[in-house]
Structure formats: structure tokens, C-alpha cells
Amino acid sequence: MTTTTIDSMVQRKLIEILRILHENQEPIGARLIADRMNERGYPIGERGVRYHLRILDERGLTSRQGYDGRIITEPGINELKNALVGDRLGFIITKIEKLIYDTTFDLKTGQGRVITNTSIIDKDDFDRTMEILSEVVNNGFSISPYIKIIDEGTIASDIKIQPGKVAIATMCSITIDGILMKSGIPVNTRYGGILEVKDRKPVGFEELIVYTGTTIDPMKIFISRKMTRVLDAVNTGNGVLLSNMREIPESSIIEAQKVLDSIMDLGIGGIAEIGKPGKSVLNASVDAGRIGVVAYAGVNGMAAVEESGINVDTHPISTVLDFSELKKLE
């Protein structure tokens, strides 16, 4: 193994440790960092983490907080933002895999953690935003009617709600992947895209982005480029919606169908299409021996709000919240 290869491996581990510290927001010790590194596919022990932390300390990217552990410094945050593209590729799928792992929602009890998106608006736009969200949910173009209102000054993940603003947490459709995984069904979260609908039925994806090949969430890309027509879908039945596709093994389809039915019985839906083994689903290719499952994105409601002219700052797949914290949108 060459020195260059070793240096590259060390650099990737350093960047991943910075990510973990940034996500945690509070001091964290080497043992817990090692556990999270192993969850993300980096085989490393507690001693190895301490070695890497010393390097980060020397560079001023982390700071020791007594016996509580380390925190990331401002230079560390800047280093993370400016990491080489090669090191950053796959960051979104890494985050998705972590949040899927953190999903604990139990279909039998209706309790546990679910993945949520966070969208920030001006307080003056709150009433109109709620009206639009209700319209999108009532038309079946979002995964769930359950939301959480987060007041100014509250921090959600790494997002601070400024004075005069209010945040709305909506359930993310990747929650479906977490529930399937917890039910023993392997899931490959594959594409994010924009899906054309006609007469309120899905026709096919117009654009697709592979989650493993992007540093920016596909939903954020499509919203920023104003490529959605959610309000058209609500008002006329014809439009373009944010959606994603995951693959499950062909052998799991019977059990997966039971899980998906149970999800919908609990008022968590948004399933647009379930494909056939090894066959493309709504223009999205599927590997042999697998089945594609397409779901409408949880941020469709906020995309519609933005289409209406309201300024929205949306952070897809932002964090996990206990389902009990969410209230049903009336």
C-alpha cells in the first residue's frame, strides 16, 4: 500500500470524525465516535479515534472539553465545508443511512423516532402556509399529515430559528426506508427525482439524481431550480412532484407489502408505485432481483408553499424526532 493511499484513508477518516462532531453539537468521546464510525463503514477502534483526534486537535479543528470529549471548532466547520469533493461525495447517502439507523418507529405501537425535514418561513406567512400544506396532504401528494411547529430560538439539528421566523418539521419519506429496515427488509435508497403526474396518477420520472453521487440533497436541488409544479397537481391533477425510489429484494415483497399496508393504516402513506421484479418503475431503473418502491417526498407541501411566492428555506432529511412530538395537520 502506498503512502498516498494511506494519506487518503486517514484524510477520509478525519473528515468523517468532523462530520460526527458537527452533527452531535455537544462534546462527544472517542468510544462513541468509534461506534458511529463503524456504523458508517469505517472500521476503527477507540485507540484509532484518539490518534485521529490528536491530529485534528493539532490542526485546531477540534477542541477538548475536559472529560466530556471533543467539539468541532469554527475552523473545523470551515474545513468540513471545504473538504475535497472526492471526500464529500456520498455525504448525503451517509447521512441518510445514519438517519435510517436512528429510525425506531414501531408499527405495532405507533411510537418511536421518525425522520423529518425542516422548513423555515416568516411568521407572517404561517396561516397561508398551513392552508397550502393541508391541500397537498389532502390530495395524497405527501407522506404524512403529521407536522411539528418549532418556534424561534429553537435549534433543530444544526438549524437555528431566527427571530420573526418559524420552522415546520414535516415527515420525510425516507422514514419508510427506516421502517422497512427495522422490519428486517434490506433497503437501498437509490434515487431522488421529480415525478410527472396526470389525472392525479404517477406517469414517470422526468429527472433523477442518484443519492450516492451527490453532496447536495436532490430535493433541495429541484426546489432551488424551481422544477416542481406541486400546486398544478393539487389544482388540476396534472403536475410535477418531488419523489424518491428505493429498492428492496424481490424475495421480500410479501412481507414488505404487509409493512407498507401497516404504514398506510397509521396515516403515513405517500406510496406512488410498487414495481415488478427487475423492471424499471416509472422510468427509474431497478437492479435484477430487486423491486422499486416510489414514494412522494415529504417536502412536496413546502415546495408548493414556495411556488405560491412565499419565501421558504427547506432542509430535507434534517433530523429525527419522536413521533409523539408531531401533531396531525387539520
C-alpha atoms as a PDB file:
ATOM      1  CA  MET A   1       0.000   0.000   0.000  1.00  0.00           C
ATOM      2  CA  THR A   2       1.454   3.372  -0.997  1.00  0.00           C
ATOM      3  CA  THR A   3       1.883   6.377   1.274  1.00  0.00           C
ATOM      4  CA  THR A   4      -0.582   8.292  -0.926  1.00  0.00           C
ATOM      5  CA  THR A   5      -3.266   5.649  -0.340  1.00  0.00           C
ATOM      6  CA  ILE A   6      -2.646   5.681   3.415  1.00  0.00           C
ATOM      7  CA  ASP A   7      -2.829   9.502   3.497  1.00  0.00           C
ATOM      8  CA  SER A   8      -6.118   9.377   1.578  1.00  0.00           C
ATOM      9  CA  MET A   9      -7.610   6.875   4.031  1.00  0.00           C
ATOM     10  CA  VAL A  10      -6.532   8.989   7.017  1.00  0.00           C
ATOM     11  CA  GLN A  11      -8.000  12.111   5.420  1.00  0.00           C
ATOM     12  CA  ARG A  12     -11.361  10.417   4.863  1.00  0.00           C
ATOM     13  CA  LYS A  13     -11.477   9.288   8.492  1.00  0.00           C
ATOM     14  CA  LEU A  14     -10.588  12.784   9.702  1.00  0.00           C
ATOM     15  CA  ILE A  15     -13.399  14.295   7.622  1.00  0.00           C
ATOM     16  CA  GLU A  16     -15.884  11.690   8.892  1.00  0.00           C
ATOM     17  CA  ILE A  17     -14.931  12.400  12.516  1.00  0.00           C
ATOM     18  CA  LEU A  18     -15.505  16.114  11.886  1.00  0.00           C
ATOM     19  CA  ARG A  19     -18.939  15.275  10.434  1.00  0.00           C
ATOM     20  CA  ILE A  20     -19.855  13.258  13.516  1.00  0.00           C
ATOM     21  CA  LEU A  21     -18.761  16.061  15.858  1.00  0.00           C
ATOM     22  CA  HIS A  22     -20.669  18.640  13.776  1.00  0.00           C
ATOM     23  CA  GLU A  23     -23.852  16.555  13.807  1.00  0.00           C
ATOM     24  CA  ASN A  24     -23.648  15.879  17.544  1.00  0.00           C
ATOM     25  CA  GLN A  25     -23.357  19.556  18.611  1.00  0.00           C
ATOM     26  CA  GLU A  26     -22.291  18.562  22.147  1.00  0.00           C
ATOM     27  CA  PRO A  27     -18.954  17.155  23.368  1.00  0.00           C
ATOM     28  CA  ILE A  28     -18.550  13.514  22.417  1.00  0.00           C
ATOM     29  CA  GLY A  29     -15.945  10.920  23.445  1.00  0.00           C
ATOM     30  CA  ALA A  30     -13.709   8.607  21.441  1.00  0.00           C
ATOM     31  CA  ARG A  31     -15.727   5.475  22.246  1.00  0.00           C
ATOM     32  CA  LEU A  32     -18.983   6.876  20.865  1.00  0.00           C
ATOM     33  CA  ILE A  33     -17.175   8.319  17.842  1.00  0.00           C
ATOM     34  CA  ALA A  34     -15.707   4.868  17.149  1.00  0.00           C
ATOM     35  CA  ASP A  35     -19.183   3.304  17.329  1.00  0.00           C
ATOM     36  CA  ARG A  36     -20.575   5.815  14.842  1.00  0.00           C
ATOM     37  CA  MET A  37     -17.576   5.444  12.523  1.00  0.00           C
ATOM     38  CA  ASN A  38     -18.133   1.676  12.408  1.00  0.00           C
ATOM     39  CA  GLU A  39     -21.835   2.211  11.647  1.00  0.00           C
ATOM     40  CA  ARG A  40     -20.776   4.287   8.630  1.00  0.00           C
ATOM     41  CA  GLY A  41     -18.388   1.684   7.248  1.00  0.00           C
ATOM     42  CA  TYR A  42     -15.109   2.903   8.799  1.00  0.00           C
ATOM     43  CA  PRO A  43     -13.625   0.025  10.839  1.00  0.00           C
ATOM     44  CA  ILE A  44     -11.752   1.796  13.629  1.00  0.00           C
ATOM     45  CA  GLY A  45     -11.303   1.294  17.350  1.00  0.00           C
ATOM     46  CA  GLU A  46     -11.287   3.723  20.237  1.00  0.00           C
ATOM     47  CA  ARG A  47      -7.485   3.964  20.171  1.00  0.00           C
ATOM     48  CA  GLY A  48      -7.543   4.747  16.450  1.00  0.00           C
ATOM     49  CA  VAL A  49     -10.092   7.508  17.008  1.00  0.00           C
ATOM     50  CA  ARG A  50      -7.870   9.053  19.713  1.00  0.00           C
ATOM     51  CA  TYR A  51      -4.951   9.086  17.258  1.00  0.00           C
ATOM     52  CA  HIS A  52      -7.060  10.925  14.665  1.00  0.00           C
ATOM     53  CA  LEU A  53      -8.425  13.335  17.278  1.00  0.00           C
ATOM     54  CA  ARG A  54      -4.864  14.316  18.232  1.00  0.00           C
ATOM     55  CA  ILE A  55      -4.237  15.226  14.585  1.00  0.00           C
ATOM     56  CA  LEU A  56      -7.422  17.300  14.494  1.00  0.00           C
ATOM     57  CA  ASP A  57      -6.509  18.995  17.802  1.00  0.00           C
ATOM     58  CA  GLU A  58      -3.066  19.923  16.456  1.00  0.00           C
ATOM     59  CA  ARG A  59      -4.688  21.486  13.381  1.00  0.00           C
ATOM     60  CA  GLY A  60      -7.083  23.469  15.573  1.00  0.00           C
ATOM     61  CA  LEU A  61     -10.112  21.722  14.024  1.00  0.00           C
ATOM     62  CA  THR A  62     -11.334  20.185  17.289  1.00  0.00           C
ATOM     63  CA  SER A  63     -11.167  21.196  20.936  1.00  0.00           C
ATOM     64  CA  ARG A  64     -11.120  19.020  24.044  1.00  0.00           C
ATOM     65  CA  GLN A  65     -13.820  19.783  26.625  1.00  0.00           C
ATOM     66  CA  GLY A  66     -12.375  18.056  29.696  1.00  0.00           C
ATOM     67  CA  TYR A  67     -13.751  14.570  30.311  1.00  0.00           C
ATOM     68  CA  ASP A  68     -16.845  15.244  28.161  1.00  0.00           C
ATOM     69  CA  GLY A  69     -14.961  14.731  24.913  1.00  0.00           C
ATOM     70  CA  ARG A  70     -14.336  16.879  21.831  1.00  0.00           C
ATOM     71  CA  ILE A  71     -16.260  19.525  19.920  1.00  0.00           C
ATOM     72  CA  ILE A  72     -15.662  20.830  16.426  1.00  0.00           C
ATOM     73  CA  THR A  73     -14.219  24.362  16.218  1.00  0.00           C
ATOM     74  CA  GLU A  74     -15.107  27.109  13.729  1.00  0.00           C
ATOM     75  CA  PRO A  75     -12.004  26.258  11.644  1.00  0.00           C
ATOM     76  CA  GLY A  76     -13.164  22.641  11.790  1.00  0.00           C
ATOM     77  CA  ILE A  77     -16.598  23.582  10.442  1.00  0.00           C
ATOM     78  CA  ASN A  78     -14.945  25.542   7.629  1.00  0.00           C
ATOM     79  CA  GLU A  79     -12.662  22.606   6.858  1.00  0.00           C
ATOM     80  CA  LEU A  80     -15.694  20.318   6.681  1.00  0.00           C
ATOM     81  CA  LYS A  81     -17.468  22.688   4.276  1.00  0.00           C
ATOM     82  CA  ASN A  82     -14.372  22.981   2.086  1.00  0.00           C
ATOM     83  CA  ALA A  83     -13.458  19.284   2.099  1.00  0.00           C
ATOM     84  CA  LEU A  84     -12.289  17.874  -1.209  1.00  0.00           C
ATOM     85  CA  VAL A  85     -15.148  16.855  -3.486  1.00  0.00           C
ATOM     86  CA  GLY A  86     -13.798  13.321  -3.535  1.00  0.00           C
ATOM     87  CA  ASP A  87     -14.143  13.165   0.242  1.00  0.00           C
ATOM     88  CA  ARG A  88     -17.570  14.790   0.219  1.00  0.00           C
ATOM     89  CA  LEU A  89     -19.163  12.536  -2.399  1.00  0.00           C
ATOM     90  CA  GLY A  90     -21.592  10.205  -0.709  1.00  0.00           C
ATOM     91  CA  PHE A  91     -22.175  12.574   2.203  1.00  0.00           C
ATOM     92  CA  ILE A  92     -25.927  12.634   1.571  1.00  0.00           C
ATOM     93  CA  ILE A  93     -26.228   8.849   1.433  1.00  0.00           C
ATOM     94  CA  THR A  94     -24.070   8.637   4.594  1.00  0.00           C
ATOM     95  CA  LYS A  95     -26.494  10.967   6.349  1.00  0.00           C
ATOM     96  CA  ILE A  96     -29.476   9.002   5.030  1.00  0.00           C
ATOM     97  CA  GLU A  97     -28.008   5.718   6.266  1.00  0.00           C
ATOM     98  CA  LYS A  98     -27.389   7.223   9.710  1.00  0.00           C
ATOM     99  CA  LEU A  99     -30.946   8.551   9.992  1.00  0.00           C
ATOM    100  CA  ILE A 100     -32.382   5.233   8.766  1.00  0.00           C
ATOM    101  CA  TYR A 101     -30.375   3.563  11.529  1.00  0.00           C
ATOM    102  CA  ASP A 102     -31.747   6.102  14.042  1.00  0.00           C
ATOM    103  CA  THR A 103     -35.373   5.440  12.988  1.00  0.00           C
ATOM    104  CA  THR A 104     -37.162   3.475  15.736  1.00  0.00           C
ATOM    105  CA  PHE A 105     -40.830   3.863  14.753  1.00  0.00           C
ATOM    106  CA  ASP A 106     -42.788   0.755  15.765  1.00  0.00           C
ATOM    107  CA  LEU A 107     -45.786  -0.144  13.603  1.00  0.00           C
ATOM    108  CA  LYS A 108     -47.466  -2.030  16.442  1.00  0.00           C
ATOM    109  CA  THR A 109     -47.302   0.786  18.998  1.00  0.00           C
ATOM    110  CA  GLY A 110     -47.261   3.770  16.656  1.00  0.00           C
ATOM    111  CA  GLN A 111     -44.370   5.177  18.672  1.00  0.00           C
ATOM    112  CA  GLY A 112     -40.699   5.905  18.099  1.00  0.00           C
ATOM    113  CA  ARG A 113     -38.416   8.210  16.123  1.00  0.00           C
ATOM    114  CA  VAL A 114     -39.129   9.235  12.521  1.00  0.00           C
ATOM    115  CA  ILE A 115     -37.043  11.208  10.009  1.00  0.00           C
ATOM    116  CA  THR A 116     -38.131  14.784   9.393  1.00  0.00           C
ATOM    117  CA  ASN A 117     -37.442  17.706   7.073  1.00  0.00           C
ATOM    118  CA  THR A 118     -37.204  21.256   8.432  1.00  0.00           C
ATOM    119  CA  SER A 119     -38.554  24.313   6.571  1.00  0.00           C
ATOM    120  CA  ILE A 120     -38.257  27.897   7.813  1.00  0.00           C
ATOM    121  CA  ILE A 121     -40.717  30.689   6.937  1.00  0.00           C
ATOM    122  CA  ASP A 122     -41.643  34.165   8.168  1.00  0.00           C
ATOM    123  CA  LYS A 123     -44.243  34.104  10.934  1.00  0.00           C
ATOM    124  CA  ASP A 124     -46.431  36.413   8.836  1.00  0.00           C
ATOM    125  CA  ASP A 125     -46.752  33.623   6.230  1.00  0.00           C
ATOM    126  CA  PHE A 126     -47.740  30.928   8.733  1.00  0.00           C
ATOM    127  CA  ASP A 127     -51.528  30.840   8.147  1.00  0.00           C
ATOM    128  CA  ARG A 128     -51.264  30.690   4.351  1.00  0.00           C
ATOM    129  CA  THR A 129     -48.543  28.044   4.628  1.00  0.00           C
ATOM    130  CA  MET A 130     -50.821  25.832   6.735  1.00  0.00           C
ATOM    131  CA  GLU A 131     -53.589  26.147   4.134  1.00  0.00           C
ATOM    132  CA  ILE A 132     -51.295  25.050   1.317  1.00  0.00           C
ATOM    133  CA  LEU A 133     -49.828  22.168   3.334  1.00  0.00           C
ATOM    134  CA  SER A 134     -53.340  20.899   4.059  1.00  0.00           C
ATOM    135  CA  GLU A 135     -54.232  20.975   0.359  1.00  0.00           C
ATOM    136  CA  VAL A 136     -51.135  18.965  -0.613  1.00  0.00           C
ATOM    137  CA  VAL A 137     -51.693  16.389   2.153  1.00  0.00           C
ATOM    138  CA  ASN A 138     -55.408  16.018   1.357  1.00  0.00           C
ATOM    139  CA  ASN A 139     -54.532  15.245  -2.261  1.00  0.00           C
ATOM    140  CA  GLY A 140     -52.229  12.406  -1.178  1.00  0.00           C
ATOM    141  CA  PHE A 141     -49.045  14.039  -2.501  1.00  0.00           C
ATOM    142  CA  SER A 142     -47.110  13.898   0.771  1.00  0.00           C
ATOM    143  CA  ILE A 143     -46.108  11.073   3.072  1.00  0.00           C
ATOM    144  CA  SER A 144     -47.880  12.253   6.222  1.00  0.00           C
ATOM    145  CA  PRO A 145     -50.233  14.868   7.706  1.00  0.00           C
ATOM    146  CA  TYR A 146     -48.154  14.944  10.897  1.00  0.00           C
ATOM    147  CA  ILE A 147     -46.005  18.040  11.474  1.00  0.00           C
ATOM    148  CA  LYS A 148     -44.258  19.937  14.286  1.00  0.00           C
ATOM    149  CA  ILE A 149     -44.134  23.708  14.690  1.00  0.00           C
ATOM    150  CA  ILE A 150     -40.762  24.916  16.013  1.00  0.00           C
ATOM    151  CA  ASP A 151     -40.628  28.439  17.466  1.00  0.00           C
ATOM    152  CA  GLU A 152     -37.855  30.984  17.032  1.00  0.00           C
ATOM    153  CA  GLY A 153     -34.700  30.445  19.030  1.00  0.00           C
ATOM    154  CA  THR A 154     -35.077  26.663  18.968  1.00  0.00           C
ATOM    155  CA  ILE A 155     -32.304  24.664  17.335  1.00  0.00           C
ATOM    156  CA  ALA A 156     -33.313  21.747  15.137  1.00  0.00           C
ATOM    157  CA  SER A 157     -30.281  19.693  14.129  1.00  0.00           C
ATOM    158  CA  ASP A 158     -27.765  22.403  13.091  1.00  0.00           C
ATOM    159  CA  ILE A 159     -30.515  24.880  12.153  1.00  0.00           C
ATOM    160  CA  LYS A 160     -31.260  27.934  14.281  1.00  0.00           C
ATOM    161  CA  ILE A 161     -34.660  29.608  14.021  1.00  0.00           C
ATOM    162  CA  GLN A 162     -34.110  33.368  13.951  1.00  0.00           C
ATOM    163  CA  PRO A 163     -36.472  35.965  15.483  1.00  0.00           C
ATOM    164  CA  GLY A 164     -39.521  36.556  13.328  1.00  0.00           C
ATOM    165  CA  LYS A 165     -39.224  33.088  11.810  1.00  0.00           C
ATOM    166  CA  VAL A 166     -40.941  29.774  12.475  1.00  0.00           C
ATOM    167  CA  ALA A 167     -39.922  26.275  11.391  1.00  0.00           C
ATOM    168  CA  ILE A 168     -42.172  23.445  10.287  1.00  0.00           C
ATOM    169  CA  ALA A 169     -40.959  19.868  10.590  1.00  0.00           C
ATOM    170  CA  THR A 170     -42.593  17.509   8.079  1.00  0.00           C
ATOM    171  CA  MET A 171     -42.133  13.760   7.996  1.00  0.00           C
ATOM    172  CA  CYS A 172     -39.545  12.658   5.441  1.00  0.00           C
ATOM    173  CA  SER A 173     -40.362   9.789   3.083  1.00  0.00           C
ATOM    174  CA  ILE A 174     -37.019   8.165   3.958  1.00  0.00           C
ATOM    175  CA  THR A 175     -38.834   7.191   7.178  1.00  0.00           C
ATOM    176  CA  ILE A 176     -40.359   4.428   5.034  1.00  0.00           C
ATOM    177  CA  ASP A 177     -36.853   3.064   4.438  1.00  0.00           C
ATOM    178  CA  GLY A 178     -36.157   3.122   8.172  1.00  0.00           C
ATOM    179  CA  ILE A 179     -39.364   1.254   8.982  1.00  0.00           C
ATOM    180  CA  LEU A 180     -38.660  -1.358   6.300  1.00  0.00           C
ATOM    181  CA  MET A 181     -35.118  -1.804   7.601  1.00  0.00           C
ATOM    182  CA  LYS A 182     -36.323  -2.201  11.196  1.00  0.00           C
ATOM    183  CA  SER A 183     -38.775  -4.838   9.910  1.00  0.00           C
ATOM    184  CA  GLY A 184     -35.869  -6.907   8.582  1.00  0.00           C
ATOM    185  CA  ILE A 185     -36.183  -5.835   4.943  1.00  0.00           C
ATOM    186  CA  PRO A 186     -32.918  -4.617   3.347  1.00  0.00           C
ATOM    187  CA  VAL A 187     -33.344  -1.263   1.607  1.00  0.00           C
ATOM    188  CA  ASN A 188     -31.241   0.553  -0.971  1.00  0.00           C
ATOM    189  CA  THR A 189     -32.250   4.246  -1.068  1.00  0.00           C
ATOM    190  CA  ARG A 190     -31.389   4.887  -4.697  1.00  0.00           C
ATOM    191  CA  TYR A 191     -32.865   7.951  -6.431  1.00  0.00           C
ATOM    192  CA  GLY A 192     -34.384  11.335  -5.719  1.00  0.00           C
ATOM    193  CA  GLY A 193     -36.311  12.857  -8.596  1.00  0.00           C
ATOM    194  CA  ILE A 194     -39.208  14.835  -9.975  1.00  0.00           C
ATOM    195  CA  LEU A 195     -42.215  12.752 -10.983  1.00  0.00           C
ATOM    196  CA  GLU A 196     -44.866  13.764 -13.502  1.00  0.00           C
ATOM    197  CA  VAL A 197     -48.482  13.065 -12.572  1.00  0.00           C
ATOM    198  CA  LYS A 198     -51.521  13.135 -14.846  1.00  0.00           C
ATOM    199  CA  ASP A 199     -55.083  12.858 -13.573  1.00  0.00           C
ATOM    200  CA  ARG A 200     -53.525  12.545 -10.080  1.00  0.00           C
ATOM    201  CA  LYS A 201     -51.681   9.371 -11.075  1.00  0.00           C
ATOM    202  CA  PRO A 202     -47.883   9.000 -11.472  1.00  0.00           C
ATOM    203  CA  VAL A 203     -46.688   8.751 -15.071  1.00  0.00           C
ATOM    204  CA  GLY A 204     -42.900   8.759 -14.887  1.00  0.00           C
ATOM    205  CA  PHE A 205     -39.800  10.472 -13.561  1.00  0.00           C
ATOM    206  CA  GLU A 206     -38.645  13.466 -15.590  1.00  0.00           C
ATOM    207  CA  GLU A 207     -35.308  13.804 -13.755  1.00  0.00           C
ATOM    208  CA  LEU A 208     -33.372  11.527 -11.410  1.00  0.00           C
ATOM    209  CA  ILE A 209     -30.320  12.016  -9.177  1.00  0.00           C
ATOM    210  CA  VAL A 210     -28.512   9.065  -7.597  1.00  0.00           C
ATOM    211  CA  TYR A 211     -28.122   9.605  -3.848  1.00  0.00           C
ATOM    212  CA  THR A 212     -24.639   8.041  -3.787  1.00  0.00           C
ATOM    213  CA  GLY A 213     -23.312  10.541  -6.339  1.00  0.00           C
ATOM    214  CA  THR A 214     -24.288  13.888  -4.848  1.00  0.00           C
ATOM    215  CA  THR A 215     -23.192  16.077  -1.946  1.00  0.00           C
ATOM    216  CA  ILE A 216     -26.461  18.049  -2.056  1.00  0.00           C
ATOM    217  CA  ASP A 217     -29.860  16.519  -1.371  1.00  0.00           C
ATOM    218  CA  PRO A 218     -31.700  16.044  -4.708  1.00  0.00           C
ATOM    219  CA  MET A 219     -34.894  17.559  -3.293  1.00  0.00           C
ATOM    220  CA  LYS A 220     -33.050  20.759  -2.421  1.00  0.00           C
ATOM    221  CA  ILE A 221     -31.607  20.878  -5.947  1.00  0.00           C
ATOM    222  CA  PHE A 222     -35.001  20.505  -7.638  1.00  0.00           C
ATOM    223  CA  ILE A 223     -36.653  23.064  -5.349  1.00  0.00           C
ATOM    224  CA  SER A 224     -33.873  25.626  -5.842  1.00  0.00           C
ATOM    225  CA  ARG A 225     -34.137  25.208  -9.622  1.00  0.00           C
ATOM    226  CA  LYS A 226     -37.912  25.694  -9.416  1.00  0.00           C
ATOM    227  CA  MET A 227     -38.550  22.415 -11.254  1.00  0.00           C
ATOM    228  CA  THR A 228     -41.695  21.405  -9.321  1.00  0.00           C
ATOM    229  CA  ARG A 229     -45.357  22.035 -10.157  1.00  0.00           C
ATOM    230  CA  VAL A 230     -46.988  20.768  -6.985  1.00  0.00           C
ATOM    231  CA  LEU A 231     -49.758  23.387  -6.960  1.00  0.00           C
ATOM    232  CA  ASP A 232     -50.719  22.397 -10.509  1.00  0.00           C
ATOM    233  CA  ALA A 233     -51.011  18.786  -9.365  1.00  0.00           C
ATOM    234  CA  VAL A 234     -53.231  19.872  -6.473  1.00  0.00           C
ATOM    235  CA  ASN A 235     -55.446  22.185  -8.518  1.00  0.00           C
ATOM    236  CA  THR A 236     -55.694  20.310 -11.839  1.00  0.00           C
ATOM    237  CA  GLY A 237     -54.382  16.786 -11.185  1.00  0.00           C
ATOM    238  CA  ASN A 238     -51.503  17.371 -13.603  1.00  0.00           C
ATOM    239  CA  GLY A 239     -48.099  18.474 -12.351  1.00  0.00           C
ATOM    240  CA  VAL A 240     -44.575  17.569 -11.266  1.00  0.00           C
ATOM    241  CA  LEU A 241     -43.841  16.298  -7.745  1.00  0.00           C
ATOM    242  CA  LEU A 242     -40.775  15.522  -5.687  1.00  0.00           C
ATOM    243  CA  SER A 243     -40.398  11.771  -5.180  1.00  0.00           C
ATOM    244  CA  ASN A 244     -37.795   9.146  -4.420  1.00  0.00           C
ATOM    245  CA  MET A 245     -37.220   5.486  -5.170  1.00  0.00           C
ATOM    246  CA  ARG A 246     -35.772   2.736  -3.051  1.00  0.00           C
ATOM    247  CA  GLU A 247     -35.071  -0.910  -3.916  1.00  0.00           C
ATOM    248  CA  ILE A 248     -35.977  -3.976  -1.871  1.00  0.00           C
ATOM    249  CA  PRO A 249     -35.153  -7.652  -2.555  1.00  0.00           C
ATOM    250  CA  GLU A 250     -37.665  -9.482  -4.732  1.00  0.00           C
ATOM    251  CA  SER A 251     -37.876 -12.203  -2.067  1.00  0.00           C
ATOM    252  CA  SER A 252     -39.157  -9.685   0.500  1.00  0.00           C
ATOM    253  CA  ILE A 253     -42.154  -8.376  -1.453  1.00  0.00           C
ATOM    254  CA  ILE A 254     -44.864 -10.206   0.536  1.00  0.00           C
ATOM    255  CA  GLU A 255     -43.511  -9.054   3.887  1.00  0.00           C
ATOM    256  CA  ALA A 256     -42.755  -5.575   2.511  1.00  0.00           C
ATOM    257  CA  GLN A 257     -46.321  -5.214   1.267  1.00  0.00           C
ATOM    258  CA  LYS A 258     -47.599  -6.015   4.761  1.00  0.00           C
ATOM    259  CA  VAL A 259     -45.294  -3.357   6.218  1.00  0.00           C
ATOM    260  CA  LEU A 260     -46.349  -0.751   3.647  1.00  0.00           C
ATOM    261  CA  ASP A 261     -50.031  -1.540   4.276  1.00  0.00           C
ATOM    262  CA  SER A 262     -49.479  -1.111   8.015  1.00  0.00           C
ATOM    263  CA  ILE A 263     -47.743   2.225   7.404  1.00  0.00           C
ATOM    264  CA  MET A 264     -50.736   3.469   5.414  1.00  0.00           C
ATOM    265  CA  ASP A 265     -53.178   2.216   8.066  1.00  0.00           C
ATOM    266  CA  LEU A 266     -51.412   4.543  10.514  1.00  0.00           C
ATOM    267  CA  GLY A 267     -51.949   7.531   8.243  1.00  0.00           C
ATOM    268  CA  ILE A 268     -48.408   7.515   6.887  1.00  0.00           C
ATOM    269  CA  GLY A 269     -48.662   6.958   3.157  1.00  0.00           C
ATOM    270  CA  GLY A 270     -47.403   8.634   0.037  1.00  0.00           C
ATOM    271  CA  ILE A 271     -46.581   5.421  -1.849  1.00  0.00           C
ATOM    272  CA  ALA A 272     -46.809   6.299  -5.547  1.00  0.00           C
ATOM    273  CA  GLU A 273     -45.917   2.951  -7.147  1.00  0.00           C
ATOM    274  CA  ILE A 274     -44.556  -0.512  -6.361  1.00  0.00           C
ATOM    275  CA  GLY A 275     -42.764  -2.032  -9.345  1.00  0.00           C
ATOM    276  CA  LYS A 276     -42.197  -5.525 -10.677  1.00  0.00           C
ATOM    277  CA  PRO A 277     -39.069  -7.659 -10.023  1.00  0.00           C
ATOM    278  CA  GLY A 278     -36.097  -6.391 -12.035  1.00  0.00           C
ATOM    279  CA  LYS A 279     -38.260  -3.975 -14.034  1.00  0.00           C
ATOM    280  CA  SER A 280     -37.965  -0.209 -14.240  1.00  0.00           C
ATOM    281  CA  VAL A 281     -40.581   1.639 -12.222  1.00  0.00           C
ATOM    282  CA  LEU A 282     -41.859   4.969 -13.553  1.00  0.00           C
ATOM    283  CA  ASN A 283     -38.718   5.271 -15.755  1.00  0.00           C
ATOM    284  CA  ALA A 284     -36.327   4.548 -12.868  1.00  0.00           C
ATOM    285  CA  SER A 285     -34.071   1.549 -13.500  1.00  0.00           C
ATOM    286  CA  VAL A 286     -34.056  -1.309 -10.984  1.00  0.00           C
ATOM    287  CA  ASP A 287     -31.384  -3.972 -10.478  1.00  0.00           C
ATOM    288  CA  ALA A 288     -32.119  -7.626 -11.208  1.00  0.00           C
ATOM    289  CA  GLY A 289     -33.706  -9.474  -8.311  1.00  0.00           C
ATOM    290  CA  ARG A 290     -34.962  -6.259  -6.768  1.00  0.00           C
ATOM    291  CA  ILE A 291     -38.196  -4.238  -6.737  1.00  0.00           C
ATOM    292  CA  GLY A 292     -38.506  -0.470  -6.887  1.00  0.00           C
ATOM    293  CA  VAL A 293     -40.802   1.368  -4.462  1.00  0.00           C
ATOM    294  CA  VAL A 294     -41.584   5.016  -5.281  1.00  0.00           C
ATOM    295  CA  ALA A 295     -42.878   7.446  -2.646  1.00  0.00           C
ATOM    296  CA  TYR A 296     -43.896  11.098  -2.772  1.00  0.00           C
ATOM    297  CA  ALA A 297     -41.468  13.293  -0.833  1.00  0.00           C
ATOM    298  CA  GLY A 298     -42.391  14.830   2.491  1.00  0.00           C
ATOM    299  CA  VAL A 299     -41.226  18.255   1.279  1.00  0.00           C
ATOM    300  CA  ASN A 300     -43.830  18.478  -1.502  1.00  0.00           C
ATOM    301  CA  GLY A 301     -46.029  20.633   0.732  1.00  0.00           C
ATOM    302  CA  MET A 302     -43.257  23.159   1.335  1.00  0.00           C
ATOM    303  CA  ALA A 303     -42.329  23.116  -2.363  1.00  0.00           C
ATOM    304  CA  ALA A 304     -45.942  24.128  -3.063  1.00  0.00           C
ATOM    305  CA  VAL A 305     -45.651  26.897  -0.460  1.00  0.00           C
ATOM    306  CA  GLU A 306     -42.584  28.240  -2.270  1.00  0.00           C
ATOM    307  CA  GLU A 307     -44.397  28.031  -5.618  1.00  0.00           C
ATOM    308  CA  SER A 308     -47.069  30.317  -4.146  1.00  0.00           C
ATOM    309  CA  GLY A 309     -44.492  33.074  -3.699  1.00  0.00           C
ATOM    310  CA  ILE A 310     -43.701  32.561  -0.012  1.00  0.00           C
ATOM    311  CA  ASN A 311     -40.011  32.542   0.871  1.00  0.00           C
ATOM    312  CA  VAL A 312     -39.050  29.122   2.291  1.00  0.00           C
ATOM    313  CA  ASP A 313     -35.690  27.770   3.472  1.00  0.00           C
ATOM    314  CA  THR A 314     -36.051  23.989   3.325  1.00  0.00           C
ATOM    315  CA  HIS A 315     -33.597  21.462   4.780  1.00  0.00           C
ATOM    316  CA  PRO A 316     -34.609  17.967   3.579  1.00  0.00           C
ATOM    317  CA  ILE A 317     -33.725  14.909   5.669  1.00  0.00           C
ATOM    318  CA  SER A 318     -32.618  17.133   8.543  1.00  0.00           C
ATOM    319  CA  THR A 319     -33.047  15.084  11.742  1.00  0.00           C
ATOM    320  CA  VAL A 320     -35.100  12.507  13.679  1.00  0.00           C
ATOM    321  CA  LEU A 321     -37.930  13.410  16.044  1.00  0.00           C
ATOM    322  CA  ASP A 322     -40.124  11.320  18.290  1.00  0.00           C
ATOM    323  CA  PHE A 323     -43.413  10.727  16.509  1.00  0.00           C
ATOM    324  CA  SER A 324     -45.277  11.867  19.626  1.00  0.00           C
ATOM    325  CA  GLU A 325     -43.893  15.386  19.052  1.00  0.00           C
ATOM    326  CA  LEU A 326     -45.750  15.640  15.724  1.00  0.00           C
ATOM    327  CA  LYS A 327     -49.364  16.745  15.546  1.00  0.00           C
ATOM    328  CA  LYS A 328     -51.867  15.950  12.809  1.00  0.00           C
ATOM    329  CA  LEU A 329     -52.484  18.779  10.372  1.00  0.00           C
ATOM    330  CA  GLU A 330     -56.182  19.580  10.375  1.00  0.00           C
END
